[in-house]
Amino acid sequence: ALCISMPLVSFTDWKYLAEGHNFILAFPGLLAALGLTMVSRLSKNDALLPLCMVLIPSLFYIVIFCFVGWDLDQARDAGWVGQVAPPTPIQDVVSLIDFSLVQ
């Protein structure tokens, strides 16, 4: 899972969540997944699921910045935000497109 930087492919991989720090990092994601599942199954309003998908990361960053008082580097050091990745050149992205398939 992205939140703990460990693969959770099979049922036996869930042992990583038994480690305290990994469980703490994964808990908000698991809670969000449960919430999104409930909204997608029970909601009659078509706008509610996309709204939740925007609100979840927004609330995450509000909590990190306003309530905890961290900046992105502090959140990154604590494991809550991923490491900075080098930018991908636009040529690499364009090379993935097969223009012969475009009609």
Protein backbone atom coordinates (compact mmCIF):
# COMPACT_ATOMS: atom_id res chain seq x y z
CA ALA A 1 0.00 0.00 0.00
CA LEU A 2 1.20 3.47 -0.78
CA CYS A 3 0.65 4.71 2.75
CA ILE A 4 3.18 2.32 4.30
CA SER A 5 5.53 1.82 1.32
CA MET A 6 5.03 -1.94 1.49
CA PRO A 7 3.12 -4.19 -0.93
CA LEU A 8 -0.18 -5.57 0.34
CA VAL A 9 -0.76 -8.07 -2.47
CA SER A 10 -1.77 -11.18 -0.55
CA PHE A 11 -3.51 -11.77 2.75
CA THR A 12 -0.20 -12.65 4.42
CA ASP A 13 1.18 -9.20 3.53
CA TRP A 14 -1.26 -7.64 5.97
CA LYS A 15 1.21 -8.61 8.71
CA TYR A 16 2.95 -5.30 7.97
CA LEU A 17 -0.02 -3.53 9.55
CA ALA A 18 0.76 -5.26 12.86
CA GLU A 19 3.74 -2.95 13.21
CA GLY A 20 2.56 0.08 15.18
CA HIS A 21 3.95 2.84 12.97
CA ASN A 22 2.70 1.18 9.77
CA PHE A 23 -0.79 0.80 11.24
CA ILE A 24 -0.86 4.46 12.26
CA LEU A 25 0.18 5.49 8.73
CA ALA A 26 -2.39 3.15 7.13
CA PHE A 27 -5.32 3.90 9.42
CA PRO A 28 -6.50 7.13 7.71
CA GLY A 29 -6.38 5.40 4.32
CA LEU A 30 -8.32 2.41 5.60
CA LEU A 31 -10.87 4.74 7.20
CA ALA A 32 -11.18 6.73 3.96
CA ALA A 33 -11.65 3.50 1.96
CA LEU A 34 -14.41 2.41 4.31
CA GLY A 35 -16.08 5.81 4.04
CA LEU A 36 -15.87 5.85 0.24
CA THR A 37 -17.27 2.33 0.08
CA MET A 38 -20.22 3.30 2.28
CA VAL A 39 -20.91 6.47 0.28
CA SER A 40 -20.72 4.65 -3.06
CA ARG A 41 -23.13 1.95 -1.91
CA LEU A 42 -25.62 3.95 0.15
CA SER A 43 -25.75 7.43 -1.37
CA LYS A 44 -28.59 8.42 -3.64
CA ASN A 45 -26.87 11.69 -4.59
CA ASP A 46 -24.54 11.44 -7.59
CA ALA A 47 -22.39 14.35 -6.42
CA LEU A 48 -21.58 12.92 -3.00
CA LEU A 49 -18.88 10.43 -4.03
CA PRO A 50 -16.83 12.94 -6.08
CA LEU A 51 -17.25 15.47 -3.27
CA CYS A 52 -15.88 12.94 -0.77
CA MET A 53 -12.97 12.18 -3.10
CA VAL A 54 -12.03 15.87 -3.01
CA LEU A 55 -12.72 16.34 0.69
CA ILE A 56 -10.58 13.44 1.93
CA PRO A 57 -7.20 14.76 0.72
CA SER A 58 -8.28 18.31 1.56
CA LEU A 59 -9.01 17.32 5.15
CA PHE A 60 -5.72 15.44 5.33
CA TYR A 61 -3.72 18.54 4.42
CA ILE A 62 -5.83 20.78 6.67
CA VAL A 63 -5.06 18.48 9.60
CA ILE A 64 -1.34 18.33 8.72
CA PHE A 65 -0.93 22.08 8.22
CA CYS A 66 -3.43 23.62 10.66
CA PHE A 67 -3.88 21.19 13.53
CA VAL A 68 -0.52 19.42 13.63
CA GLY A 69 1.39 22.49 12.44
CA TRP A 70 3.78 20.69 10.10
CA ASP A 71 5.03 21.82 6.72
CA LEU A 72 5.45 19.34 3.87
CA ASP A 73 9.05 18.51 4.78
CA GLN A 74 8.07 17.62 8.35
CA ALA A 75 5.15 15.51 7.12
CA ARG A 76 7.52 13.82 4.66
CA ASP A 77 10.06 13.08 7.41
CA ALA A 78 7.30 11.55 9.54
CA GLY A 79 6.22 9.31 6.65
CA TRP A 80 2.83 10.95 5.97
CA VAL A 81 3.80 12.38 2.57
CA GLY A 82 5.84 10.62 -0.12
CA GLN A 83 9.35 11.61 -1.11
CA VAL A 84 9.91 14.18 -3.83
CA ALA A 85 10.19 12.50 -7.22
CA PRO A 86 12.25 13.91 -10.08
CA PRO A 87 10.16 15.52 -12.81
CA THR A 88 9.37 13.47 -15.89
CA PRO A 89 10.40 15.06 -19.20
CA ILE A 90 7.46 15.76 -21.50
CA GLN A 91 9.15 13.74 -24.27
CA ASP A 92 8.87 10.62 -22.12
CA VAL A 93 5.15 11.19 -21.63
CA VAL A 94 4.50 11.89 -25.32
CA SER A 95 6.47 8.80 -26.34
CA LEU A 96 3.89 6.67 -24.51
CA ILE A 97 1.17 7.77 -26.92
CA ASP A 98 0.68 5.63 -30.01
CA PHE A 99 -0.60 8.19 -32.51
CA SER A 100 -1.24 5.46 -35.10
CA LEU A 101 -4.24 4.42 -33.00
CA VAL A 102 -5.81 7.89 -33.17
CA GLN A 103 -8.60 8.17 -35.76
